[in-house]
Amino acid sequence: MNTKTNRQGIALITAIIFISVATLILGVLVVRVVTQNQSVAFQAEFEDCFQGVESAYNEALAELDKGDDGNVGLGGWSIPVGQSALPSFDEESIAPEQLEGTPDIEYMAYVQDWFNDKIDNNLNGAIDPVDITEQGFYTVYSFGRNLGSNQDLRRATESVVRSYDVNVWRNAIFAGNGQGGGLINGNVSVHGSVHLLGGNLPDGTEAIAALDLSGTSLIHNNYAGIPPTLQTRVPALPTRDFNGETIGTLNANLRVKQGLVGMSGNSEIGEPDLVGNVLKETMDGTYVNDGWTGTSVTDDGDRGDPTKLFSDNGWDNKYDLGNKVPYPMLDSDYRDPLTGKTVLNPLTGSNYTHAQYFEQVLTGAPKVGDVTIKANANFYYNATRPLETDPALRLPTDDYILFNGGTDLMEINGQVQINGNLKIERGGGGDKTINYTGRGALLVNGNVELDTDLLSVNKDGTTANSFPENNFFGIMARGDMLVGSISQLYLMGGFYAQGTVRSSKQTTTMGTFVGNYFDMGTNVPEIYQVPELPNNLPMGMIGAYPILVYTRVSWREIGAA
């Protein structure tokens, strides 16, 4: 027996086994590496494809924001109303867009408006346009495909979004850039939303408060304490489910873009939630960039913690609207109240400003000079036919203001401009009541002083639900507006001042104030927001166009065609 040969054979077999095992392991590793590389490459292509999906979604919202239908890259594709078919990249009429810098990524989006698609999207048994609960809701279908992928990679998502209009009239108070001393000075009782910009306030200056609430000042989310004579004139508050209860609410938010919010004394923002009543006590939301100051604020080394603020989202959320909501100026572009689009002046080739459109398109001849309307003296001006001084000959198509001092009834119709100051004041014997009927917007290229009651009434003399749908008095001042130099006045309407709004007495207002700066004095005037006001503004009111923000309600990935 040749032992040496046997040992060599065994060694050879052992070597072959080791080599085979090593080869097998190496092969497995190679396969794993290749598979991993393929997986990584696929994942990269997968993520690249989703960039197209996100671009489609964002561009669709941008299109909606411009007042368009929101559809992106669909070319001539359309969907019959009442059907739910979705577009496909393979259809000849589709013209998808390419991702900038990555031409292999194509995308498109289709937006389905719940309010006009003839589909019961919320499954409540009602079909639009009867079902107004679907208004403002959209389904956004976003599609992306990667042409650089060997697998014709496609992805799609379905997002339900809800739009919210945040224009200036959807507040009790909207303040612009303000002055060096703040945005709201003094004590005020507000029932409704407050939105403050504060562009003129220095950053980080604790001595400056955007909103200085002291004494018994408050911001509330309901009509508790409202005078009955005002409440009967406006629609009931909208209701909603909150913590299992159906409650009436103003859907009030506090937004402060720049400037501290000062809280002192017994002032409060919102109230603790009470179970068992029909009111919404807490604020819906609070969004303040710079933080809180005052004796009712605990120093936490950061933004401060207010001790009497009750809001569904707490107090640490920052301002959420960016630069979306500007302060409207009379020399800014006019915007269509339905679409928000500008209007070109064919004579100049430039857009109309709001003041130009009001004077040149909406109304007739301006009233030149200062105007005073006394509560017991007749007044009539017809802007459409200024030479016609007999109010009995007025026409339904005329723009005019008519006040009968004997009946204390003012009739307003259309749009009227005054090139001077306006004062509406008490008459002899302490007469301070003016009831108005009709719908109109008044532009005053000067200052405005309001020293009488301005209360809405219906044409038949009744007052129930007389504001804002049936009757509306809107007043705009290029200068300042003084509201109530005497106490216990009641005002109803929409009031704008490009300068300062001053209210030094206990005036109660049902409606909205828009002003660059508010001086509220020490007697705590009251302001009650009317949720239906922005939906019923008379033609010609500044800032009346929609400013929409979109919130994604739901999201899911779906199969892509």
Protein backbone atom coordinates (compact mmCIF):
# COMPACT_ATOMS: atom_id res chain seq x y z
CA MET A 1 0.00 0.00 0.00
CA ASN A 2 1.34 3.39 -1.02
CA THR A 3 0.60 5.60 1.99
CA LYS A 4 2.21 8.64 0.41
CA THR A 5 -0.09 8.42 -2.65
CA ASN A 6 -3.15 8.06 -0.45
CA ARG A 7 -2.19 11.15 1.56
CA GLN A 8 -1.76 13.10 -1.66
CA GLY A 9 -5.17 11.98 -2.90
CA ILE A 10 -6.84 13.00 0.32
CA ALA A 11 -5.10 16.37 0.19
CA LEU A 12 -6.26 16.86 -3.38
CA ILE A 13 -9.86 15.99 -2.47
CA THR A 14 -9.71 18.31 0.53
CA ALA A 15 -8.35 21.12 -1.62
CA ILE A 16 -11.06 20.54 -4.21
CA ILE A 17 -13.73 20.66 -1.48
CA PHE A 18 -12.31 23.89 -0.04
CA ILE A 19 -12.08 25.43 -3.49
CA SER A 20 -15.66 24.36 -4.27
CA VAL A 21 -16.96 25.74 -1.01
CA ALA A 22 -15.03 28.98 -1.52
CA THR A 23 -16.33 29.22 -5.09
CA LEU A 24 -19.86 28.62 -3.84
CA ILE A 25 -19.51 31.24 -1.13
CA LEU A 26 -17.97 33.67 -3.55
CA GLY A 27 -20.83 33.03 -6.00
CA VAL A 28 -23.39 33.62 -3.27
CA LEU A 29 -21.64 36.84 -2.32
CA VAL A 30 -21.50 37.95 -5.94
CA VAL A 31 -25.21 37.22 -6.37
CA ARG A 32 -25.96 39.05 -3.13
CA VAL A 33 -23.91 42.06 -4.18
CA VAL A 34 -25.57 42.12 -7.59
CA THR A 35 -29.00 41.76 -6.00
CA GLN A 36 -28.25 44.49 -3.51
CA ASN A 37 -26.98 46.77 -6.26
CA GLN A 38 -30.14 46.09 -8.23
CA SER A 39 -32.23 46.72 -5.13
CA VAL A 40 -30.40 49.97 -4.42
CA ALA A 41 -30.76 51.04 -8.04
CA PHE A 42 -34.46 50.15 -7.98
CA GLN A 43 -34.96 52.02 -4.74
CA ALA A 44 -33.24 55.07 -6.20
CA GLU A 45 -35.45 54.88 -9.28
CA PHE A 46 -38.45 54.33 -7.01
CA GLU A 47 -37.62 57.45 -5.01
CA ASP A 48 -36.90 59.46 -8.16
CA CYS A 49 -40.31 58.46 -9.46
CA PHE A 50 -41.91 59.75 -6.25
CA GLN A 51 -40.29 63.13 -6.81
CA GLY A 52 -42.51 63.35 -9.87
CA VAL A 53 -45.53 62.44 -7.76
CA GLU A 54 -44.77 65.15 -5.22
CA SER A 55 -44.12 67.71 -7.97
CA ALA A 56 -47.47 66.86 -9.51
CA TYR A 57 -49.22 67.33 -6.14
CA ASN A 58 -47.54 70.65 -5.36
CA GLU A 59 -48.11 72.02 -8.85
CA ALA A 60 -51.78 71.00 -8.69
CA LEU A 61 -52.23 72.98 -5.48
CA ALA A 62 -50.42 75.95 -7.02
CA GLU A 63 -52.81 75.83 -9.98
CA LEU A 64 -55.80 75.73 -7.62
CA ASP A 65 -54.37 78.69 -5.77
CA LYS A 66 -54.32 80.69 -9.02
CA GLY A 67 -57.98 79.92 -9.58
CA ASP A 68 -57.39 77.27 -12.25
CA ASP A 69 -58.68 73.70 -12.23
CA GLY A 70 -55.44 72.29 -10.79
CA ASN A 71 -54.96 69.68 -13.53
CA VAL A 72 -51.33 69.29 -14.60
CA GLY A 73 -49.90 67.74 -17.79
CA LEU A 74 -53.21 66.26 -18.95
CA GLY A 75 -53.19 67.84 -22.39
CA GLY A 76 -56.57 67.22 -24.00
CA TRP A 77 -57.62 64.54 -21.56
CA SER A 78 -60.91 65.11 -19.74
CA ILE A 79 -63.21 63.06 -17.57
CA PRO A 80 -67.00 63.01 -17.92
CA VAL A 81 -68.77 64.53 -14.91
CA GLY A 82 -70.04 61.85 -12.55
CA GLN A 83 -67.42 59.25 -13.53
CA SER A 84 -64.26 58.25 -11.72
CA ALA A 85 -61.85 57.12 -14.46
CA LEU A 86 -58.27 58.30 -14.03
CA PRO A 87 -55.75 59.36 -16.68
CA SER A 88 -52.96 57.09 -17.87
CA PHE A 89 -49.51 57.95 -19.21
CA ASP A 90 -50.29 55.65 -22.16
CA GLU A 91 -53.15 57.79 -23.48
CA GLU A 92 -52.25 59.78 -26.59
CA SER A 93 -53.94 62.97 -25.39
CA ILE A 94 -51.84 63.09 -22.21
CA ALA A 95 -48.94 65.58 -22.28
CA PRO A 96 -47.05 64.92 -19.02
CA GLU A 97 -44.57 67.46 -17.69
CA GLN A 98 -40.90 66.72 -17.04
CA LEU A 99 -39.12 67.23 -13.75
CA GLU A 100 -36.70 70.13 -14.07
CA GLY A 101 -33.13 68.83 -14.29
CA THR A 102 -34.33 65.22 -14.52
CA PRO A 103 -36.10 64.81 -17.88
CA ASP A 104 -36.55 61.06 -17.36
CA ILE A 105 -39.08 61.81 -14.62
CA GLU A 106 -42.53 62.68 -15.95
CA TYR A 107 -45.55 63.69 -13.91
CA MET A 108 -49.17 64.75 -14.13
CA ALA A 109 -52.03 65.44 -11.74
CA TYR A 110 -55.79 65.34 -11.86
CA VAL A 111 -57.92 67.29 -9.37
CA GLN A 112 -61.47 66.27 -8.61
CA ASP A 113 -63.56 69.08 -7.11
CA TRP A 114 -66.05 67.49 -4.74
CA PHE A 115 -68.50 70.36 -5.14
CA ASN A 116 -69.14 69.92 -8.87
CA ASP A 117 -68.26 66.30 -9.71
CA LYS A 118 -71.81 64.93 -9.16
CA ILE A 119 -70.43 62.22 -6.87
CA ASP A 120 -71.36 61.63 -3.24
CA ASN A 121 -67.77 61.75 -2.02
CA ASN A 122 -68.54 61.99 1.70
CA LEU A 123 -71.22 59.27 1.50
CA ASN A 124 -73.90 61.29 3.25
CA GLY A 125 -76.55 60.56 0.62
CA ALA A 126 -76.53 64.05 -0.94
CA ILE A 127 -75.16 65.04 -4.32
CA ASP A 128 -73.60 68.44 -5.01
CA PRO A 129 -74.41 71.25 -5.50
CA VAL A 130 -77.12 70.50 -2.93
CA ASP A 131 -74.54 69.10 -0.51
CA ILE A 132 -72.64 72.24 0.51
CA THR A 133 -70.61 70.21 3.03
CA GLU A 134 -68.45 69.07 0.09
CA GLN A 135 -67.53 72.63 -0.88
CA GLY A 136 -63.82 73.31 -0.53
CA PHE A 137 -62.82 69.63 -0.66
CA TYR A 138 -60.70 68.17 -3.48
CA THR A 139 -59.19 64.82 -4.35
CA VAL A 140 -55.75 65.26 -5.90
CA TYR A 141 -54.47 62.31 -7.95
CA SER A 142 -50.71 62.64 -8.50
CA PHE A 143 -48.80 60.48 -10.98
CA GLY A 144 -45.11 60.01 -11.71
CA ARG A 145 -43.09 57.66 -13.92
CA ASN A 146 -39.40 57.10 -14.43
CA LEU A 147 -38.50 56.70 -18.09
CA GLY A 148 -34.91 55.89 -17.08
CA SER A 149 -36.05 52.70 -15.37
CA ASN A 150 -35.94 49.37 -17.22
CA GLN A 151 -39.16 48.39 -15.47
CA ASP A 152 -41.35 51.32 -16.65
CA LEU A 153 -41.63 52.35 -13.03
CA ARG A 154 -44.80 54.26 -12.16
CA ARG A 155 -46.25 55.55 -8.90
CA ALA A 156 -49.43 57.38 -7.93
CA THR A 157 -51.06 58.82 -4.82
CA GLU A 158 -54.53 59.93 -3.85
CA SER A 159 -54.76 62.90 -1.49
CA VAL A 160 -57.89 64.50 -0.08
CA VAL A 161 -57.32 68.19 0.65
CA ARG A 162 -59.52 70.86 2.16
CA SER A 163 -59.26 74.53 1.31
CA TYR A 164 -59.67 77.34 3.80
CA ASP A 165 -60.20 80.98 2.88
CA VAL A 166 -58.07 83.23 5.11
CA ASN A 167 -58.81 86.62 3.56
CA VAL A 168 -58.80 89.66 5.82
CA TRP A 169 -62.57 89.79 6.31
CA ARG A 170 -62.63 86.36 7.98
CA ASN A 171 -61.64 87.97 11.25
CA ALA A 172 -63.07 90.31 13.84
CA ILE A 173 -59.82 92.32 13.62
CA PHE A 174 -57.18 92.26 10.90
CA ALA A 175 -54.21 94.55 11.53
CA GLY A 176 -51.49 95.41 9.04
CA ASN A 177 -47.94 96.59 9.64
CA GLY A 178 -48.79 98.84 12.57
CA GLN A 179 -46.77 101.63 14.10
CA GLY A 180 -43.65 101.77 16.25
CA GLY A 181 -45.87 101.34 19.32
CA GLY A 182 -47.52 98.14 18.21
CA LEU A 183 -50.57 96.92 16.37
CA ILE A 184 -53.33 97.05 18.97
CA ASN A 185 -53.04 99.47 21.84
CA GLY A 186 -55.47 99.50 24.76
CA ASN A 187 -58.23 97.21 25.96
CA VAL A 188 -60.66 95.44 23.66
CA SER A 189 -63.12 92.57 23.89
CA VAL A 190 -63.04 90.45 20.72
CA HIS A 191 -65.37 87.58 19.85
CA GLY A 192 -63.82 85.92 16.81
CA SER A 193 -60.51 85.64 14.98
CA VAL A 194 -57.66 88.12 15.26
CA HIS A 195 -54.94 88.28 12.58
CA LEU A 196 -51.98 90.64 12.99
CA LEU A 197 -49.05 91.14 10.58
CA GLY A 198 -46.75 93.63 12.36
CA GLY A 199 -44.31 94.37 9.55
CA ASN A 200 -43.19 97.64 11.16
CA LEU A 201 -42.42 96.14 14.57
CA PRO A 202 -38.72 95.75 15.46
CA ASP A 203 -37.61 92.17 15.99
CA GLY A 204 -37.06 90.96 19.54
CA THR A 205 -38.08 94.16 21.29
CA GLU A 206 -39.92 93.14 24.45
CA ALA A 207 -41.24 96.65 25.06
CA ILE A 208 -43.42 96.34 22.00
CA ALA A 209 -46.49 94.14 22.11
CA ALA A 210 -48.44 93.33 18.98
CA LEU A 211 -51.55 92.76 21.07
CA ASP A 212 -51.70 94.26 24.54
CA LEU A 213 -54.52 92.66 26.49
CA SER A 214 -54.95 94.08 29.97
CA GLY A 215 -57.69 94.54 32.52
CA THR A 216 -60.75 92.58 31.38
CA SER A 217 -59.75 92.33 27.71
CA LEU A 218 -60.43 89.03 25.99
CA ILE A 219 -60.55 87.05 22.75
CA HIS A 220 -63.38 84.49 22.77
CA ASN A 221 -64.80 81.93 20.36
CA ASN A 222 -68.54 82.45 20.89
CA TYR A 223 -71.32 85.02 21.27
CA ALA A 224 -71.63 84.90 25.06
CA GLY A 225 -72.60 88.37 26.28
CA ILE A 226 -73.75 89.69 22.91
CA PRO A 227 -76.57 92.30 23.03
CA PRO A 228 -79.81 90.62 21.90
CA THR A 229 -80.68 93.49 19.53
CA LEU A 230 -77.55 92.64 17.54
CA GLN A 231 -77.73 88.86 17.71
CA THR A 232 -81.24 88.71 16.24
CA ARG A 233 -80.01 90.59 13.19
CA VAL A 234 -77.36 88.01 12.19
CA PRO A 235 -77.42 84.29 11.33
CA ALA A 236 -76.99 81.75 14.09
CA LEU A 237 -73.44 80.56 14.63
CA PRO A 238 -72.35 77.51 12.63
CA THR A 239 -72.29 74.32 14.66
CA ARG A 240 -69.91 71.39 14.74
CA ASP A 241 -69.04 68.36 16.83
CA PHE A 242 -66.43 69.01 19.50
CA ASN A 243 -65.54 66.38 22.08
CA GLY A 244 -68.81 64.58 21.39
CA GLU A 245 -70.98 67.70 21.73
CA THR A 246 -72.70 69.80 19.07
CA ILE A 247 -71.66 73.36 19.79
CA GLY A 248 -71.91 76.80 18.16
CA THR A 249 -68.57 78.33 17.27
CA LEU A 250 -66.89 81.27 15.58
CA ASN A 251 -63.99 78.96 14.55
CA ALA A 252 -61.72 81.62 16.02
CA ASN A 253 -57.94 81.68 15.59
CA LEU A 254 -55.27 84.08 16.82
CA ARG A 255 -52.44 84.74 14.36
CA VAL A 256 -49.54 87.12 14.99
CA LYS A 257 -46.83 87.16 12.34
CA GLN A 258 -44.46 89.61 14.06
CA GLY A 259 -44.55 91.11 17.54
CA LEU A 260 -45.06 89.90 21.08
CA VAL A 261 -48.49 89.29 22.54
CA GLY A 262 -48.91 91.06 25.86
CA MET A 263 -51.28 89.61 28.47
CA SER A 264 -51.83 91.23 31.86
CA GLY A 265 -54.47 91.53 34.55
CA ASN A 266 -57.57 89.39 34.02
CA SER A 267 -57.23 89.26 30.25
CA GLU A 268 -57.71 85.91 28.55
CA ILE A 269 -57.58 84.25 25.15
CA GLY A 270 -60.18 81.51 24.90
CA GLU A 271 -61.83 79.91 27.90
CA PRO A 272 -61.64 76.50 29.60
CA ASP A 273 -63.83 73.92 27.87
CA LEU A 274 -67.12 73.38 29.72
CA VAL A 275 -69.05 70.16 29.15
CA GLY A 276 -72.81 70.32 28.74
CA ASN A 277 -73.37 73.70 27.07
CA VAL A 278 -73.75 74.69 23.42
CA LEU A 279 -70.75 77.05 23.13
CA LYS A 280 -67.17 76.57 21.94
CA GLU A 281 -64.98 78.04 24.67
CA THR A 282 -61.45 77.17 23.52
CA MET A 283 -59.80 78.88 20.55
CA ASP A 284 -59.47 76.71 17.46
CA GLY A 285 -55.84 77.65 17.02
CA THR A 286 -53.10 80.04 18.16
CA TYR A 287 -50.11 80.89 15.93
CA VAL A 288 -47.62 83.43 17.32
CA ASN A 289 -44.05 83.81 16.04
CA ASP A 290 -42.33 85.94 18.68
CA GLY A 291 -43.97 84.76 21.89
CA TRP A 292 -45.63 86.24 24.97
CA THR A 293 -45.02 88.99 27.49
CA GLY A 294 -46.81 90.63 30.43
CA THR A 295 -47.76 89.96 34.02
CA SER A 296 -49.97 87.01 33.04
CA VAL A 297 -47.09 85.23 31.31
CA THR A 298 -44.64 82.86 33.02
CA ASP A 299 -41.01 83.30 31.99
CA ASP A 300 -39.74 79.92 30.74
CA GLY A 301 -36.45 81.22 29.33
CA ASP A 302 -37.85 81.05 25.80
CA ARG A 303 -41.10 82.36 24.33
CA GLY A 304 -43.02 82.55 27.61
CA ASP A 305 -46.05 80.60 28.82
CA PRO A 306 -49.36 82.52 29.01
CA THR A 307 -51.39 81.50 32.07
CA LYS A 308 -54.83 82.37 30.69
CA LEU A 309 -54.77 81.03 27.17
CA PHE A 310 -57.01 78.12 26.18
CA SER A 311 -56.49 76.90 22.64
CA ASP A 312 -56.89 73.52 20.95
CA ASN A 313 -53.27 73.64 19.78
CA GLY A 314 -51.68 75.24 22.84
CA TRP A 315 -49.55 78.38 22.51
CA ASP A 316 -46.20 77.30 21.00
CA ASN A 317 -47.21 77.06 17.33
CA LYS A 318 -45.54 79.59 15.02
CA TYR A 319 -47.36 81.75 12.47
CA ASP A 320 -48.53 79.37 9.73
CA LEU A 321 -49.35 81.49 6.66
CA GLY A 322 -45.95 82.84 5.57
CA ASN A 323 -46.44 85.80 3.21
CA LYS A 324 -49.74 84.55 1.88
CA VAL A 325 -51.97 87.25 3.40
CA PRO A 326 -50.87 90.85 2.67
CA TYR A 327 -52.46 93.98 4.05
CA PRO A 328 -54.76 95.31 1.29
CA MET A 329 -54.00 98.86 0.13
CA LEU A 330 -56.18 101.06 -2.05
CA ASP A 331 -53.28 101.54 -4.46
CA SER A 332 -52.63 97.80 -4.70
CA ASP A 333 -53.97 95.80 -7.64
CA TYR A 334 -57.71 95.27 -7.74
CA ARG A 335 -58.61 91.59 -7.48
CA ASP A 336 -61.76 89.88 -8.60
CA PRO A 337 -63.83 88.85 -5.55
CA LEU A 338 -64.53 85.38 -6.97
CA THR A 339 -61.20 84.38 -8.53
CA GLY A 340 -58.67 86.76 -6.99
CA LYS A 341 -57.33 87.61 -10.45
CA THR A 342 -56.15 91.09 -11.36
CA VAL A 343 -57.92 93.19 -14.01
CA LEU A 344 -56.08 94.94 -16.83
CA ASN A 345 -56.88 98.59 -17.51
CA PRO A 346 -57.16 98.73 -21.32
CA LEU A 347 -56.36 102.45 -21.37
CA THR A 348 -53.03 102.15 -19.54
CA GLY A 349 -51.96 98.56 -20.21
CA SER A 350 -51.41 98.13 -16.44
CA ASN A 351 -53.58 96.51 -13.82
CA TYR A 352 -56.26 98.59 -12.19
CA THR A 353 -55.54 99.54 -8.60
CA HIS A 354 -58.44 99.01 -6.24
CA ALA A 355 -59.11 102.75 -6.06
CA GLN A 356 -58.99 103.11 -9.86
CA TYR A 357 -61.36 100.19 -10.45
CA PHE A 358 -63.78 101.52 -7.85
CA GLU A 359 -63.87 105.01 -9.41
CA GLN A 360 -63.58 104.15 -13.10
CA VAL A 361 -65.60 100.95 -13.34
CA LEU A 362 -67.84 100.45 -10.32
CA THR A 363 -69.26 103.87 -9.54
CA GLY A 364 -70.16 107.21 -11.07
CA ALA A 365 -69.04 110.72 -10.19
CA PRO A 366 -67.35 111.16 -6.82
CA LYS A 367 -68.86 113.48 -4.26
CA VAL A 368 -66.31 116.30 -3.98
CA GLY A 369 -65.59 117.84 -0.59
CA ASP A 370 -66.27 116.87 3.02
CA VAL A 371 -69.60 115.24 3.81
CA THR A 372 -71.51 115.33 7.10
CA ILE A 373 -74.60 113.21 7.67
CA LYS A 374 -76.59 114.15 10.79
CA ALA A 375 -78.95 111.70 12.44
CA ASN A 376 -81.91 114.11 12.11
CA ALA A 377 -81.13 115.80 8.77
CA ASN A 378 -81.94 114.63 5.25
CA PHE A 379 -79.11 113.71 2.88
CA TYR A 380 -79.07 112.44 -0.70
CA TYR A 381 -76.32 111.90 -3.24
CA ASN A 382 -76.67 110.01 -6.51
CA ALA A 383 -73.26 109.08 -7.95
CA THR A 384 -74.74 107.71 -11.17
CA ARG A 385 -76.76 110.88 -11.89
CA PRO A 386 -75.22 113.57 -9.67
CA LEU A 387 -77.39 116.33 -11.15
CA GLU A 388 -80.55 114.50 -10.09
CA THR A 389 -81.34 115.83 -6.59
CA ASP A 390 -84.86 114.45 -6.19
CA PRO A 391 -84.64 111.10 -4.34
CA ALA A 392 -88.10 110.16 -5.58
CA LEU A 393 -86.59 109.79 -9.07
CA ARG A 394 -83.81 107.41 -8.08
CA LEU A 395 -83.50 104.18 -10.07
CA PRO A 396 -82.61 100.64 -8.91
CA THR A 397 -79.50 100.86 -11.12
CA ASP A 398 -78.25 104.07 -9.51
CA ASP A 399 -75.41 104.22 -6.98
CA TYR A 400 -76.65 106.43 -4.15
CA ILE A 401 -76.98 107.19 -0.44
CA LEU A 402 -80.32 108.46 0.85
CA PHE A 403 -81.01 109.35 4.48
CA ASN A 404 -84.38 110.44 5.83
CA GLY A 405 -83.78 112.40 9.02
CA GLY A 406 -87.42 112.11 10.02
CA THR A 407 -87.52 108.30 9.99
CA ASP A 408 -83.82 107.69 10.83
CA LEU A 409 -83.66 105.39 7.80
CA MET A 410 -80.67 105.33 5.44
CA GLU A 411 -80.90 103.61 2.07
CA ILE A 412 -77.66 102.61 0.39
CA ASN A 413 -77.24 101.14 -3.05
CA GLY A 414 -74.13 100.23 -5.07
CA GLN A 415 -70.85 102.12 -4.78
CA VAL A 416 -70.29 105.75 -3.81
CA GLN A 417 -67.01 107.66 -3.54
CA ILE A 418 -66.33 110.77 -1.44
CA ASN A 419 -63.27 112.87 -2.24
CA GLY A 420 -63.00 114.38 1.21
CA ASN A 421 -63.77 113.46 4.81
CA LEU A 422 -66.95 111.79 6.04
CA LYS A 423 -68.65 112.35 9.39
CA ILE A 424 -71.83 110.58 10.46
CA GLU A 425 -72.90 112.30 13.67
CA ARG A 426 -75.68 112.78 16.21
CA GLY A 427 -78.54 115.11 15.49
CA GLY A 428 -80.20 117.57 17.79
CA GLY A 429 -81.75 116.35 21.01
CA GLY A 430 -79.28 113.48 21.32
CA ASP A 431 -80.66 111.59 18.31
CA LYS A 432 -77.97 109.01 17.54
CA THR A 433 -79.81 106.32 15.60
CA ILE A 434 -79.40 105.48 11.93
CA ASN A 435 -80.99 102.33 10.57
CA TYR A 436 -79.80 101.33 7.12
CA THR A 437 -81.24 99.14 4.44
CA GLY A 438 -79.69 98.01 1.16
CA ARG A 439 -76.21 96.97 0.12
CA GLY A 440 -73.40 99.34 -0.67
CA ALA A 441 -69.71 100.16 -0.42
CA LEU A 442 -68.46 103.65 0.40
CA LEU A 443 -64.92 104.77 -0.46
CA VAL A 444 -63.77 107.88 1.41
CA ASN A 445 -60.53 109.48 0.23
CA GLY A 446 -60.00 111.07 3.61
CA ASN A 447 -60.89 110.34 7.24
CA VAL A 448 -64.09 108.82 8.60
CA GLU A 449 -65.81 109.58 11.91
CA LEU A 450 -68.75 107.44 13.04
CA ASP A 451 -70.75 108.86 15.98
CA THR A 452 -74.17 107.24 15.54
CA ASP A 453 -75.69 103.81 15.66
CA LEU A 454 -75.55 102.03 12.29
CA LEU A 455 -78.05 99.19 12.47
CA SER A 456 -79.32 96.97 9.65
CA VAL A 457 -83.03 96.63 8.91
CA ASN A 458 -84.89 94.81 6.17
CA LYS A 459 -86.93 96.63 3.53
CA ASP A 460 -90.16 95.72 5.30
CA GLY A 461 -88.92 97.26 8.54
CA THR A 462 -88.14 93.98 10.31
CA THR A 463 -84.72 93.29 11.76
CA ALA A 464 -84.45 89.48 11.95
CA ASN A 465 -81.55 88.17 9.84
CA SER A 466 -81.08 91.61 8.30
CA PHE A 467 -77.27 91.39 8.23
CA PRO A 468 -75.13 90.62 6.26
CA GLU A 469 -76.93 88.83 3.42
CA ASN A 470 -79.87 91.18 2.95
CA ASN A 471 -78.27 94.47 4.01
CA PHE A 472 -74.64 95.55 4.24
CA PHE A 473 -72.92 98.88 4.77
CA GLY A 474 -69.20 98.78 3.93
CA ILE A 475 -67.03 101.83 4.61
CA MET A 476 -63.42 102.30 3.45
CA ALA A 477 -61.22 105.21 4.53
CA ARG A 478 -57.97 106.14 2.84
CA GLY A 479 -57.02 107.90 6.08
CA ASP A 480 -58.08 107.14 9.66
CA MET A 481 -61.35 106.00 11.15
CA LEU A 482 -62.70 107.23 14.51
CA VAL A 483 -65.44 105.01 15.87
CA GLY A 484 -67.57 106.34 18.68
CA SER A 485 -66.58 109.49 20.50
CA ILE A 486 -69.69 108.83 22.59
CA SER A 487 -70.48 105.65 24.52
CA GLN A 488 -72.96 102.85 23.92
CA LEU A 489 -73.05 102.95 20.12
CA TYR A 490 -74.01 99.91 18.06
CA LEU A 491 -72.43 99.45 14.62
CA MET A 492 -73.00 96.76 12.00
CA GLY A 493 -70.91 96.46 8.85
CA GLY A 494 -67.46 96.05 7.37
CA PHE A 495 -64.99 98.82 8.21
CA TYR A 496 -61.58 99.47 6.61
CA ALA A 497 -59.00 102.17 7.33
CA GLN A 498 -55.71 102.42 5.51
CA GLY A 499 -54.43 104.29 8.55
CA THR A 500 -55.54 103.99 12.19
CA VAL A 501 -58.80 102.74 13.68
CA ARG A 502 -59.62 104.47 16.99
CA SER A 503 -62.41 103.45 19.32
CA SER A 504 -62.16 105.27 22.63
CA LYS A 505 -65.60 104.47 24.07
CA GLN A 506 -67.72 101.42 24.81
CA THR A 507 -68.82 100.91 21.22
CA THR A 508 -70.19 97.50 20.24
CA THR A 509 -69.53 96.43 16.63
CA MET A 510 -71.07 93.52 14.78
CA GLY A 511 -68.76 92.80 11.85
CA THR A 512 -65.09 93.25 10.98
CA PHE A 513 -62.44 95.96 11.29
CA VAL A 514 -59.46 96.02 8.93
CA GLY A 515 -56.87 98.64 9.86
CA ASN A 516 -53.16 99.23 9.83
CA TYR A 517 -53.14 100.16 13.53
CA PHE A 518 -55.76 100.00 16.30
CA ASP A 519 -56.02 102.40 19.23
CA MET A 520 -58.76 100.95 21.44
CA GLY A 521 -58.49 103.22 24.50
CA THR A 522 -59.37 102.04 28.00
CA ASN A 523 -63.15 101.55 27.89
CA VAL A 524 -63.08 98.08 26.29
CA PRO A 525 -65.04 98.35 23.03
CA GLU A 526 -66.55 95.06 21.86
CA ILE A 527 -66.26 93.47 18.42
CA TYR A 528 -68.30 90.43 17.35
CA GLN A 529 -67.26 88.65 14.17
CA VAL A 530 -70.02 87.51 11.78
CA PRO A 531 -68.92 84.30 9.98
CA GLU A 532 -71.17 85.00 6.97
CA LEU A 533 -69.81 88.53 6.47
CA PRO A 534 -67.02 87.67 3.97
CA ASN A 535 -69.53 85.70 1.87
CA ASN A 536 -71.79 88.73 1.50
CA LEU A 537 -69.47 91.71 1.02
CA PRO A 538 -70.87 94.32 -1.37
CA MET A 539 -69.03 94.79 -4.64
CA GLY A 540 -66.11 97.15 -4.27
CA MET A 541 -64.93 96.24 -0.79
CA ILE A 542 -61.15 95.99 -0.64
CA GLY A 543 -59.48 92.65 0.10
CA ALA A 544 -62.66 90.72 -0.70
CA TYR A 545 -60.95 88.11 -2.88
CA PRO A 546 -60.31 84.53 -1.70
CA ILE A 547 -56.92 83.63 -0.22
CA LEU A 548 -56.92 79.86 0.03
CA VAL A 549 -54.72 77.53 2.04
CA TYR A 550 -54.87 73.78 1.65
CA THR A 551 -54.69 71.13 4.33
CA ARG A 552 -54.10 67.49 3.44
CA VAL A 553 -56.83 65.47 5.15
CA SER A 554 -55.76 62.01 3.97
CA TRP A 555 -53.14 60.35 1.76
CA ARG A 556 -52.54 56.90 0.29
CA GLU A 557 -50.53 55.34 -2.51
CA ILE A 558 -52.57 53.77 -5.27
CA GLY A 559 -51.87 51.74 -8.37
CA ALA A 560 -50.53 53.76 -11.29
CA ALA A 561 -51.87 53.30 -14.80
